[in-house]
């Protein structure tokens, strides 16, 4: 039996690094198929979409819990807020604008 993916990060990283996805031509299909198999084995729903069959995009969906989302926000490595509720997007935008204004 194969161990769960969280128990073998080095093996997964080695597999990914060994894949030749040099651009051009890209040829990311093998990488996408590998990641797709890992995500599906972990129980995530995945979709592969491609305009060019050798350069696909992988979409993975993590089911929600039904609870309101919470988002910790870090600025320069320091936690500055935990956003939640209907104002989450507006509050995040304010944090980004404040940060950019200080630059």
C-alpha atoms as a PDB file:
ATOM      1  CA  UNK A   1       0.000   0.000   0.000  1.00  0.00           C
ATOM      2  CA  UNK A   2       1.238   3.473  -0.856  1.00  0.00           C
ATOM      3  CA  UNK A   3       1.723   5.891   2.010  1.00  0.00           C
ATOM      4  CA  UNK A   4      -0.413   9.057   2.095  1.00  0.00           C
ATOM      5  CA  UNK A   5       0.906  11.992   0.086  1.00  0.00           C
ATOM      6  CA  UNK A   6       1.684  14.092   3.171  1.00  0.00           C
ATOM      7  CA  UNK A   7       4.105  11.357   4.293  1.00  0.00           C
ATOM      8  CA  UNK A   8       6.238  11.512   1.149  1.00  0.00           C
ATOM      9  CA  UNK A   9       6.943  15.123   0.155  1.00  0.00           C
ATOM     10  CA  UNK A  10      10.547  14.456  -0.877  1.00  0.00           C
ATOM     11  CA  UNK A  11       9.505  11.670  -3.260  1.00  0.00           C
ATOM     12  CA  UNK A  12       6.855  13.905  -4.835  1.00  0.00           C
ATOM     13  CA  UNK A  13       9.250  16.837  -5.200  1.00  0.00           C
ATOM     14  CA  UNK A  14      11.902  14.621  -6.799  1.00  0.00           C
ATOM     15  CA  UNK A  15       9.336  13.266  -9.256  1.00  0.00           C
ATOM     16  CA  UNK A  16       8.215  16.786 -10.216  1.00  0.00           C
ATOM     17  CA  UNK A  17      11.745  18.177 -10.568  1.00  0.00           C
ATOM     18  CA  UNK A  18      12.743  15.316 -12.858  1.00  0.00           C
ATOM     19  CA  UNK A  19       9.947  16.103 -15.321  1.00  0.00           C
ATOM     20  CA  UNK A  20      11.151  18.064 -18.347  1.00  0.00           C
ATOM     21  CA  UNK A  21       8.688  20.933 -18.676  1.00  0.00           C
ATOM     22  CA  UNK A  22      11.204  23.271 -20.298  1.00  0.00           C
ATOM     23  CA  UNK A  23       9.535  25.994 -22.331  1.00  0.00           C
ATOM     24  CA  UNK A  24       9.381  25.695 -25.302  1.00  0.00           C
ATOM     25  CA  UNK A  25       7.615  23.388 -25.856  1.00  0.00           C
ATOM     26  CA  UNK A  26       6.428  23.243 -22.251  1.00  0.00           C
ATOM     27  CA  UNK A  27       4.951  19.768 -22.421  1.00  0.00           C
ATOM     28  CA  UNK A  28       3.422  20.055 -18.959  1.00  0.00           C
ATOM     29  CA  UNK A  29       0.953  17.229 -19.543  1.00  0.00           C
ATOM     30  CA  UNK A  30       2.985  14.617 -17.618  1.00  0.00           C
ATOM     31  CA  UNK A  31       3.332  16.957 -14.649  1.00  0.00           C
ATOM     32  CA  UNK A  32      -0.373  17.788 -14.680  1.00  0.00           C
ATOM     33  CA  UNK A  33      -1.320  14.101 -14.904  1.00  0.00           C
ATOM     34  CA  UNK A  34       0.957  13.288 -11.956  1.00  0.00           C
ATOM     35  CA  UNK A  35      -0.453  16.102  -9.813  1.00  0.00           C
ATOM     36  CA  UNK A  36      -3.979  15.145 -10.855  1.00  0.00           C
ATOM     37  CA  UNK A  37      -3.447  11.561  -9.659  1.00  0.00           C
ATOM     38  CA  UNK A  38      -2.086  12.783  -6.314  1.00  0.00           C
ATOM     39  CA  UNK A  39      -4.987  15.157  -5.750  1.00  0.00           C
ATOM     40  CA  UNK A  40      -7.607  12.594  -6.720  1.00  0.00           C
ATOM     41  CA  UNK A  41      -5.977  10.008  -4.435  1.00  0.00           C
ATOM     42  CA  UNK A  42      -6.329  12.567  -1.640  1.00  0.00           C
ATOM     43  CA  UNK A  43     -10.050  12.843  -2.371  1.00  0.00           C
ATOM     44  CA  UNK A  44     -10.139  16.176  -4.202  1.00  0.00           C
ATOM     45  CA  UNK A  45     -12.288  16.769  -7.260  1.00  0.00           C
ATOM     46  CA  UNK A  46     -10.138  17.789 -10.223  1.00  0.00           C
ATOM     47  CA  UNK A  47     -10.656  19.051 -13.751  1.00  0.00           C
ATOM     48  CA  UNK A  48      -8.106  19.352 -16.532  1.00  0.00           C
ATOM     49  CA  UNK A  49      -8.765  22.005 -19.179  1.00  0.00           C
ATOM     50  CA  UNK A  50      -6.542  22.640 -22.177  1.00  0.00           C
ATOM     51  CA  UNK A  51      -6.558  24.776 -25.267  1.00  0.00           C
ATOM     52  CA  UNK A  52      -3.331  23.000 -26.254  1.00  0.00           C
ATOM     53  CA  UNK A  53      -3.358  19.336 -25.100  1.00  0.00           C
ATOM     54  CA  UNK A  54       0.341  19.512 -24.131  1.00  0.00           C
ATOM     55  CA  UNK A  55      -0.175  22.633 -21.968  1.00  0.00           C
ATOM     56  CA  UNK A  56      -3.171  21.885 -19.733  1.00  0.00           C
ATOM     57  CA  UNK A  57      -4.388  23.626 -16.614  1.00  0.00           C
ATOM     58  CA  UNK A  58      -5.320  21.681 -13.498  1.00  0.00           C
ATOM     59  CA  UNK A  59      -8.184  22.838 -11.308  1.00  0.00           C
ATOM     60  CA  UNK A  60      -8.677  21.267  -7.876  1.00  0.00           C
ATOM     61  CA  UNK A  61     -11.643  21.944  -5.642  1.00  0.00           C
ATOM     62  CA  UNK A  62     -11.606  21.598  -1.914  1.00  0.00           C
ATOM     63  CA  UNK A  63     -15.094  21.269  -0.491  1.00  0.00           C
ATOM     64  CA  UNK A  64     -16.209  23.938   1.935  1.00  0.00           C
ATOM     65  CA  UNK A  65     -17.400  23.250   5.453  1.00  0.00           C
ATOM     66  CA  UNK A  66     -20.416  25.524   5.268  1.00  0.00           C
ATOM     67  CA  UNK A  67     -18.813  27.909   7.748  1.00  0.00           C
ATOM     68  CA  UNK A  68     -17.974  31.509   6.907  1.00  0.00           C
ATOM     69  CA  UNK A  69     -14.424  31.766   5.524  1.00  0.00           C
ATOM     70  CA  UNK A  70     -11.649  33.081   7.735  1.00  0.00           C
ATOM     71  CA  UNK A  71      -8.441  34.438   6.281  1.00  0.00           C
ATOM     72  CA  UNK A  72      -5.324  35.161   8.321  1.00  0.00           C
ATOM     73  CA  UNK A  73      -3.373  38.016   6.729  1.00  0.00           C
ATOM     74  CA  UNK A  74       0.381  38.357   7.061  1.00  0.00           C
ATOM     75  CA  UNK A  75       2.330  41.453   6.039  1.00  0.00           C
ATOM     76  CA  UNK A  76       6.107  41.140   5.900  1.00  0.00           C
ATOM     77  CA  UNK A  77       5.859  37.899   7.884  1.00  0.00           C
ATOM     78  CA  UNK A  78       3.775  39.384  10.696  1.00  0.00           C
ATOM     79  CA  UNK A  79       0.147  38.464  11.242  1.00  0.00           C
ATOM     80  CA  UNK A  80      -1.822  41.698  11.065  1.00  0.00           C
ATOM     81  CA  UNK A  81      -5.405  40.461  10.990  1.00  0.00           C
ATOM     82  CA  UNK A  82      -7.799  37.563  10.675  1.00  0.00           C
ATOM     83  CA  UNK A  83     -10.531  38.568   8.272  1.00  0.00           C
ATOM     84  CA  UNK A  84     -13.982  37.027   8.199  1.00  0.00           C
ATOM     85  CA  UNK A  85     -17.569  37.732   7.329  1.00  0.00           C
ATOM     86  CA  UNK A  86     -19.132  39.797   4.581  1.00  0.00           C
ATOM     87  CA  UNK A  87     -16.482  42.531   4.797  1.00  0.00           C
ATOM     88  CA  UNK A  88     -13.573  40.117   4.193  1.00  0.00           C
ATOM     89  CA  UNK A  89     -12.829  41.324   0.652  1.00  0.00           C
ATOM     90  CA  UNK A  90     -13.194  45.011   1.514  1.00  0.00           C
ATOM     91  CA  UNK A  91     -10.981  44.640   4.603  1.00  0.00           C
ATOM     92  CA  UNK A  92      -8.317  42.801   2.610  1.00  0.00           C
ATOM     93  CA  UNK A  93      -8.365  45.511  -0.043  1.00  0.00           C
ATOM     94  CA  UNK A  94      -7.840  48.139   2.680  1.00  0.00           C
ATOM     95  CA  UNK A  95      -4.818  46.245   4.057  1.00  0.00           C
ATOM     96  CA  UNK A  96      -3.273  46.008   0.569  1.00  0.00           C
ATOM     97  CA  UNK A  97      -3.921  49.691  -0.170  1.00  0.00           C
ATOM     98  CA  UNK A  98      -2.381  50.726   3.177  1.00  0.00           C
ATOM     99  CA  UNK A  99       0.672  48.579   2.483  1.00  0.00           C
ATOM    100  CA  UNK A 100       1.146  49.974  -1.037  1.00  0.00           C
ATOM    101  CA  UNK A 101       0.743  53.543   0.256  1.00  0.00           C
ATOM    102  CA  UNK A 102       3.633  52.967   2.706  1.00  0.00           C
ATOM    103  CA  UNK A 103       5.977  51.789  -0.058  1.00  0.00           C
END
